[in-house]
Amino acid sequence: QTFLDIELNYQLLMLKAEIATSQEDN
């Protein structure tokens, strides 16, 4: 776990949030 991995995890979670939003799973 490095500082970069924190950023990558953040990006990945935002992508998941985008998918959930598109599927209207609020």
PDB file of all heavy atoms in Angstrom:
ATOM      1  N   GLN A   1       0.839  -1.186   0.000  1.00  0.00           N
ATOM      2  CA  GLN A   1       0.000   0.000   0.000  1.00  0.00           C
ATOM      3  C   GLN A   1       0.885   1.251   0.000  1.00  0.00           C
ATOM      4  O   GLN A   1       1.645   1.485   0.930  1.00  0.00           O
ATOM      5  CB  GLN A   1      -0.915   0.009   1.231  1.00  0.00           C
ATOM      6  CG  GLN A   1      -2.002  -1.036   1.182  1.00  0.00           C
ATOM      7  CD  GLN A   1      -2.981  -0.763   0.044  1.00  0.00           C
ATOM      8  OE1 GLN A   1      -3.436   0.354  -0.139  1.00  0.00           O
ATOM      9  NE2 GLN A   1      -3.279  -1.798  -0.730  1.00  0.00           N
ATOM     10  N   THR A   2       0.811   2.006  -1.046  1.00  0.00           N
ATOM     11  CA  THR A   2       1.570   3.250  -1.164  1.00  0.00           C
ATOM     12  C   THR A   2       0.601   4.400  -1.398  1.00  0.00           C
ATOM     13  O   THR A   2      -0.612   4.219  -1.518  1.00  0.00           O
ATOM     14  CB  THR A   2       2.564   3.167  -2.337  1.00  0.00           C
ATOM     15  OG1 THR A   2       1.816   3.039  -3.561  1.00  0.00           O
ATOM     16  CG2 THR A   2       3.498   1.984  -2.178  1.00  0.00           C
ATOM     17  N   PHE A   3       1.190   5.583  -1.474  1.00  0.00           N
ATOM     18  CA  PHE A   3       0.362   6.767  -1.730  1.00  0.00           C
ATOM     19  C   PHE A   3      -0.347   6.645  -3.079  1.00  0.00           C
ATOM     20  O   PHE A   3      -1.493   7.067  -3.237  1.00  0.00           O
ATOM     21  CB  PHE A   3       1.253   8.018  -1.714  1.00  0.00           C
ATOM     22  CG  PHE A   3       0.471   9.295  -1.683  1.00  0.00           C
ATOM     23  CD1 PHE A   3      -0.100   9.740  -0.501  1.00  0.00           C
ATOM     24  CD2 PHE A   3       0.299  10.045  -2.830  1.00  0.00           C
ATOM     25  CE1 PHE A   3      -0.821  10.915  -0.464  1.00  0.00           C
ATOM     26  CE2 PHE A   3      -0.424  11.220  -2.798  1.00  0.00           C
ATOM     27  CZ  PHE A   3      -0.979  11.662  -1.609  1.00  0.00           C
ATOM     28  N   LEU A   4       0.337   6.046  -4.054  1.00  0.00           N
ATOM     29  CA  LEU A   4      -0.269   5.851  -5.373  1.00  0.00           C
ATOM     30  C   LEU A   4      -1.471   4.921  -5.286  1.00  0.00           C
ATOM     31  O   LEU A   4      -2.503   5.145  -5.926  1.00  0.00           O
ATOM     32  CB  LEU A   4       0.766   5.288  -6.341  1.00  0.00           C
ATOM     33  CG  LEU A   4       0.250   4.908  -7.735  1.00  0.00           C
ATOM     34  CD1 LEU A   4      -0.329   6.126  -8.446  1.00  0.00           C
ATOM     35  CD2 LEU A   4       1.338   4.276  -8.570  1.00  0.00           C
ATOM     36  N   ASP A   5      -1.360   3.869  -4.479  1.00  0.00           N
ATOM     37  CA  ASP A   5      -2.468   2.922  -4.362  1.00  0.00           C
ATOM     38  C   ASP A   5      -3.708   3.582  -3.759  1.00  0.00           C
ATOM     39  O   ASP A   5      -4.838   3.216  -4.087  1.00  0.00           O
ATOM     40  CB  ASP A   5      -2.040   1.728  -3.507  1.00  0.00           C
ATOM     41  CG  ASP A   5      -0.937   0.912  -4.176  1.00  0.00           C
ATOM     42  OD1 ASP A   5      -1.001   0.787  -5.414  1.00  0.00           O
ATOM     43  OD2 ASP A   5      -0.034   0.432  -3.476  1.00  0.00           O
ATOM     44  N   ILE A   6      -3.510   4.532  -2.862  1.00  0.00           N
ATOM     45  CA  ILE A   6      -4.653   5.279  -2.307  1.00  0.00           C
ATOM     46  C   ILE A   6      -5.375   6.024  -3.428  1.00  0.00           C
ATOM     47  O   ILE A   6      -6.603   6.001  -3.531  1.00  0.00           O
ATOM     48  CB  ILE A   6      -4.169   6.260  -1.215  1.00  0.00           C
ATOM     49  CG1 ILE A   6      -3.568   5.489  -0.043  1.00  0.00           C
ATOM     50  CG2 ILE A   6      -5.313   7.150  -0.746  1.00  0.00           C
ATOM     51  CD1 ILE A   6      -2.947   6.389   1.015  1.00  0.00           C
ATOM     52  N   GLU A   7      -4.587   6.627  -4.304  1.00  0.00           N
ATOM     53  CA  GLU A   7      -5.184   7.363  -5.422  1.00  0.00           C
ATOM     54  C   GLU A   7      -5.885   6.415  -6.390  1.00  0.00           C
ATOM     55  O   GLU A   7      -6.985   6.706  -6.876  1.00  0.00           O
ATOM     56  CB  GLU A   7      -4.095   8.157  -6.150  1.00  0.00           C
ATOM     57  CG  GLU A   7      -4.638   9.019  -7.282  1.00  0.00           C
ATOM     58  CD  GLU A   7      -3.544   9.816  -7.964  1.00  0.00           C
ATOM     59  OE1 GLU A   7      -2.357   9.638  -7.600  1.00  0.00           O
ATOM     60  OE2 GLU A   7      -3.877  10.592  -8.852  1.00  0.00           O
ATOM     61  N   LEU A   8      -5.267   5.269  -6.657  1.00  0.00           N
ATOM     62  CA  LEU A   8      -5.880   4.309  -7.570  1.00  0.00           C
ATOM     63  C   LEU A   8      -7.180   3.749  -6.992  1.00  0.00           C
ATOM     64  O   LEU A   8      -8.160   3.543  -7.725  1.00  0.00           O
ATOM     65  CB  LEU A   8      -4.894   3.176  -7.861  1.00  0.00           C
ATOM     66  CG  LEU A   8      -3.613   3.574  -8.608  1.00  0.00           C
ATOM     67  CD1 LEU A   8      -2.695   2.369  -8.764  1.00  0.00           C
ATOM     68  CD2 LEU A   8      -3.943   4.171  -9.977  1.00  0.00           C
ATOM     69  N   ASN A   9      -7.185   3.495  -5.684  1.00  0.00           N
ATOM     70  CA  ASN A   9      -8.416   3.027  -5.040  1.00  0.00           C
ATOM     71  C   ASN A   9      -9.515   4.074  -5.150  1.00  0.00           C
ATOM     72  O   ASN A   9     -10.686   3.744  -5.355  1.00  0.00           O
ATOM     73  CB  ASN A   9      -8.150   2.694  -3.565  1.00  0.00           C
ATOM     74  CG  ASN A   9      -7.597   1.291  -3.383  1.00  0.00           C
ATOM     75  OD1 ASN A   9      -8.237   0.310  -3.749  1.00  0.00           O
ATOM     76  ND2 ASN A   9      -6.398   1.190  -2.830  1.00  0.00           N
ATOM     77  N   TYR A  10      -9.134   5.316  -4.984  1.00  0.00           N
ATOM     78  CA  TYR A  10     -10.122   6.392  -5.120  1.00  0.00           C
ATOM     79  C   TYR A  10     -10.715   6.409  -6.534  1.00  0.00           C
ATOM     80  O   TYR A  10     -11.936   6.492  -6.716  1.00  0.00           O
ATOM     81  CB  TYR A  10      -9.467   7.744  -4.807  1.00  0.00           C
ATOM     82  CG  TYR A  10     -10.348   8.922  -5.153  1.00  0.00           C
ATOM     83  CD1 TYR A  10     -11.399   9.298  -4.319  1.00  0.00           C
ATOM     84  CD2 TYR A  10     -10.146   9.642  -6.340  1.00  0.00           C
ATOM     85  CE1 TYR A  10     -12.223  10.362  -4.650  1.00  0.00           C
ATOM     86  CE2 TYR A  10     -10.964  10.696  -6.673  1.00  0.00           C
ATOM     87  CZ  TYR A  10     -11.995  11.053  -5.823  1.00  0.00           C
ATOM     88  OH  TYR A  10     -12.815  12.107  -6.165  1.00  0.00           O
ATOM     89  N   GLN A  11      -9.859   6.315  -7.546  1.00  0.00           N
ATOM     90  CA  GLN A  11     -10.329   6.319  -8.930  1.00  0.00           C
ATOM     91  C   GLN A  11     -11.258   5.132  -9.195  1.00  0.00           C
ATOM     92  O   GLN A  11     -12.292   5.274  -9.869  1.00  0.00           O
ATOM     93  CB  GLN A  11      -9.135   6.268  -9.879  1.00  0.00           C
ATOM     94  CG  GLN A  11      -8.210   7.471  -9.785  1.00  0.00           C
ATOM     95  CD  GLN A  11      -6.897   7.220 -10.493  1.00  0.00           C
ATOM     96  OE1 GLN A  11      -6.762   6.264 -11.242  1.00  0.00           O
ATOM     97  NE2 GLN A  11      -5.928   8.081 -10.256  1.00  0.00           N
ATOM     98  N   LEU A  12     -10.887   3.987  -8.664  1.00  0.00           N
ATOM     99  CA  LEU A  12     -11.674   2.782  -8.890  1.00  0.00           C
ATOM    100  C   LEU A  12     -13.063   2.899  -8.244  1.00  0.00           C
ATOM    101  O   LEU A  12     -14.076   2.504  -8.827  1.00  0.00           O
ATOM    102  CB  LEU A  12     -10.925   1.575  -8.333  1.00  0.00           C
ATOM    103  CG  LEU A  12     -11.278   0.202  -8.927  1.00  0.00           C
ATOM    104  CD1 LEU A  12     -11.139   0.205 -10.433  1.00  0.00           C
ATOM    105  CD2 LEU A  12     -10.400  -0.871  -8.311  1.00  0.00           C
ATOM    106  N   LEU A  13     -13.105   3.461  -7.027  1.00  0.00           N
ATOM    107  CA  LEU A  13     -14.385   3.640  -6.345  1.00  0.00           C
ATOM    108  C   LEU A  13     -15.273   4.650  -7.088  1.00  0.00           C
ATOM    109  O   LEU A  13     -16.496   4.483  -7.156  1.00  0.00           O
ATOM    110  CB  LEU A  13     -14.148   4.102  -4.904  1.00  0.00           C
ATOM    111  CG  LEU A  13     -13.653   3.017  -3.944  1.00  0.00           C
ATOM    112  CD1 LEU A  13     -13.147   3.630  -2.649  1.00  0.00           C
ATOM    113  CD2 LEU A  13     -14.771   2.013  -3.651  1.00  0.00           C
ATOM    114  N   MET A  14     -14.663   5.682  -7.649  1.00  0.00           N
ATOM    115  CA  MET A  14     -15.452   6.655  -8.411  1.00  0.00           C
ATOM    116  C   MET A  14     -16.019   6.021  -9.677  1.00  0.00           C
ATOM    117  O   MET A  14     -17.138   6.337 -10.101  1.00  0.00           O
ATOM    118  CB  MET A  14     -14.588   7.868  -8.776  1.00  0.00           C
ATOM    119  CG  MET A  14     -14.164   8.702  -7.575  1.00  0.00           C
ATOM    120  SD  MET A  14     -15.542   9.360  -6.623  1.00  0.00           S
ATOM    121  CE  MET A  14     -16.167  10.598  -7.734  1.00  0.00           C
ATOM    122  N   LEU A  15     -15.272   5.105 -10.284  1.00  0.00           N
ATOM    123  CA  LEU A  15     -15.790   4.377 -11.440  1.00  0.00           C
ATOM    124  C   LEU A  15     -16.961   3.492 -11.029  1.00  0.00           C
ATOM    125  O   LEU A  15     -17.984   3.420 -11.728  1.00  0.00           O
ATOM    126  CB  LEU A  15     -14.677   3.551 -12.077  1.00  0.00           C
ATOM    127  CG  LEU A  15     -15.088   2.631 -13.241  1.00  0.00           C
ATOM    128  CD1 LEU A  15     -15.780   3.421 -14.349  1.00  0.00           C
ATOM    129  CD2 LEU A  15     -13.880   1.873 -13.775  1.00  0.00           C
ATOM    130  N   LYS A  16     -16.825   2.809  -9.893  1.00  0.00           N
ATOM    131  CA  LYS A  16     -17.935   1.981  -9.410  1.00  0.00           C
ATOM    132  C   LYS A  16     -19.163   2.836  -9.112  1.00  0.00           C
ATOM    133  O   LYS A  16     -20.305   2.440  -9.395  1.00  0.00           O
ATOM    134  CB  LYS A  16     -17.511   1.238  -8.139  1.00  0.00           C
ATOM    135  CG  LYS A  16     -16.480   0.137  -8.359  1.00  0.00           C
ATOM    136  CD  LYS A  16     -16.143  -0.534  -7.021  1.00  0.00           C
ATOM    137  CE  LYS A  16     -15.144  -1.657  -7.190  1.00  0.00           C
ATOM    138  NZ  LYS A  16     -14.820  -2.306  -5.905  1.00  0.00           N
ATOM    139  N   ALA A  17     -18.948   4.010  -8.535  1.00  0.00           N
ATOM    140  CA  ALA A  17     -20.064   4.912  -8.247  1.00  0.00           C
ATOM    141  C   ALA A  17     -20.742   5.358  -9.538  1.00  0.00           C
ATOM    142  O   ALA A  17     -21.974   5.476  -9.613  1.00  0.00           O
ATOM    143  CB  ALA A  17     -19.565   6.122  -7.462  1.00  0.00           C
ATOM    144  N   GLU A  18     -19.940   5.578 -10.584  1.00  0.00           N
ATOM    145  CA  GLU A  18     -20.512   5.958 -11.880  1.00  0.00           C
ATOM    146  C   GLU A  18     -21.405   4.845 -12.428  1.00  0.00           C
ATOM    147  O   GLU A  18     -22.504   5.099 -12.934  1.00  0.00           O
ATOM    148  CB  GLU A  18     -19.389   6.265 -12.866  1.00  0.00           C
ATOM    149  CG  GLU A  18     -19.897   6.575 -14.263  1.00  0.00           C
ATOM    150  CD  GLU A  18     -18.772   6.792 -15.249  1.00  0.00           C
ATOM    151  OE1 GLU A  18     -17.610   6.872 -14.818  1.00  0.00           O
ATOM    152  OE2 GLU A  18     -19.061   6.874 -16.441  1.00  0.00           O
ATOM    153  N   ILE A  19     -20.916   3.610 -12.325  1.00  0.00           N
ATOM    154  CA  ILE A  19     -21.704   2.476 -12.829  1.00  0.00           C
ATOM    155  C   ILE A  19     -22.998   2.333 -12.038  1.00  0.00           C
ATOM    156  O   ILE A  19     -24.081   2.139 -12.602  1.00  0.00           O
ATOM    157  CB  ILE A  19     -20.862   1.186 -12.763  1.00  0.00           C
ATOM    158  CG1 ILE A  19     -19.654   1.293 -13.707  1.00  0.00           C
ATOM    159  CG2 ILE A  19     -21.713  -0.026 -13.125  1.00  0.00           C
ATOM    160  CD1 ILE A  19     -18.673   0.143 -13.583  1.00  0.00           C
ATOM    161  N   ALA A  20     -22.903   2.436 -10.703  1.00  0.00           N
ATOM    162  CA  ALA A  20     -24.102   2.315  -9.859  1.00  0.00           C
ATOM    163  C   ALA A  20     -25.082   3.447 -10.161  1.00  0.00           C
ATOM    164  O   ALA A  20     -26.305   3.240 -10.202  1.00  0.00           O
ATOM    165  CB  ALA A  20     -23.709   2.328  -8.384  1.00  0.00           C
ATOM    166  N   THR A  21     -24.574   4.653 -10.390  1.00  0.00           N
ATOM    167  CA  THR A  21     -25.448   5.790 -10.711  1.00  0.00           C
ATOM    168  C   THR A  21     -26.147   5.572 -12.042  1.00  0.00           C
ATOM    169  O   THR A  21     -27.343   5.838 -12.190  1.00  0.00           O
ATOM    170  CB  THR A  21     -24.624   7.087 -10.763  1.00  0.00           C
ATOM    171  OG1 THR A  21     -23.999   7.298  -9.497  1.00  0.00           O
ATOM    172  CG2 THR A  21     -25.509   8.275 -11.099  1.00  0.00           C
ATOM    173  N   SER A  22     -25.403   5.073 -13.019  1.00  0.00           N
ATOM    174  CA  SER A  22     -25.991   4.808 -14.335  1.00  0.00           C
ATOM    175  C   SER A  22     -27.093   3.765 -14.251  1.00  0.00           C
ATOM    176  O   SER A  22     -28.069   3.807 -15.000  1.00  0.00           O
ATOM    177  CB  SER A  22     -24.903   4.356 -15.310  1.00  0.00           C
ATOM    178  OG  SER A  22     -25.429   4.121 -16.591  1.00  0.00           O
ATOM    179  N   GLN A  23     -26.951   2.816 -13.305  1.00  0.00           N
ATOM    180  CA  GLN A  23     -27.959   1.779 -13.118  1.00  0.00           C
ATOM    181  C   GLN A  23     -29.043   2.193 -12.119  1.00  0.00           C
ATOM    182  O   GLN A  23     -29.877   1.380 -11.730  1.00  0.00           O
ATOM    183  CB  GLN A  23     -27.277   0.489 -12.643  1.00  0.00           C
ATOM    184  CG  GLN A  23     -26.340  -0.114 -13.679  1.00  0.00           C
ATOM    185  CD  GLN A  23     -25.586  -1.313 -13.147  1.00  0.00           C
ATOM    186  OE1 GLN A  23     -25.427  -1.473 -11.940  1.00  0.00           O
ATOM    187  NE2 GLN A  23     -25.139  -2.171 -14.050  1.00  0.00           N
ATOM    188  N   GLU A  24     -28.977   3.479 -11.673  1.00  0.00           N
ATOM    189  CA  GLU A  24     -29.967   4.047 -10.757  1.00  0.00           C
ATOM    190  C   GLU A  24     -30.022   3.297  -9.425  1.00  0.00           C
ATOM    191  O   GLU A  24     -31.066   3.232  -8.773  1.00  0.00           O
ATOM    192  CB  GLU A  24     -31.357   4.099 -11.402  1.00  0.00           C
ATOM    193  CG  GLU A  24     -31.407   4.957 -12.659  1.00  0.00           C
ATOM    194  CD  GLU A  24     -32.805   5.076 -13.230  1.00  0.00           C
ATOM    195  OE1 GLU A  24     -33.724   4.436 -12.694  1.00  0.00           O
ATOM    196  OE2 GLU A  24     -32.966   5.820 -14.209  1.00  0.00           O
ATOM    197  N   ASP A  25     -28.883   2.736  -9.014  1.00  0.00           N
ATOM    198  CA  ASP A  25     -28.768   2.110  -7.697  1.00  0.00           C
ATOM    199  C   ASP A  25     -28.158   3.155  -6.762  1.00  0.00           C
ATOM    200  O   ASP A  25     -26.948   3.179  -6.492  1.00  0.00           O
ATOM    201  CB  ASP A  25     -27.888   0.866  -7.776  1.00  0.00           C
ATOM    202  CG  ASP A  25     -27.928   0.039  -6.496  1.00  0.00           C
ATOM    203  OD1 ASP A  25     -28.401   0.583  -5.470  1.00  0.00           O
ATOM    204  OD2 ASP A  25     -27.489  -1.125  -6.518  1.00  0.00           O
ATOM    205  N   ASN A  26     -29.007   4.047  -6.241  1.00  0.00           N
ATOM    206  CA  ASN A  26     -28.521   5.205  -5.496  1.00  0.00           C
ATOM    207  C   ASN A  26     -27.880   4.828  -4.170  1.00  0.00           C
ATOM    208  O   ASN A  26     -26.909   5.466  -3.736  1.00  0.00           O
ATOM    209  CB  ASN A  26     -29.670   6.193  -5.257  1.00  0.00           C
ATOM    210  CG  ASN A  26     -30.140   6.824  -6.553  1.00  0.00           C
ATOM    211  OD1 ASN A  26     -29.335   7.111  -7.430  1.00  0.00           O
ATOM    212  ND2 ASN A  26     -31.432   7.042  -6.681  1.00  0.00           N
TER     213      ASN A  26
END
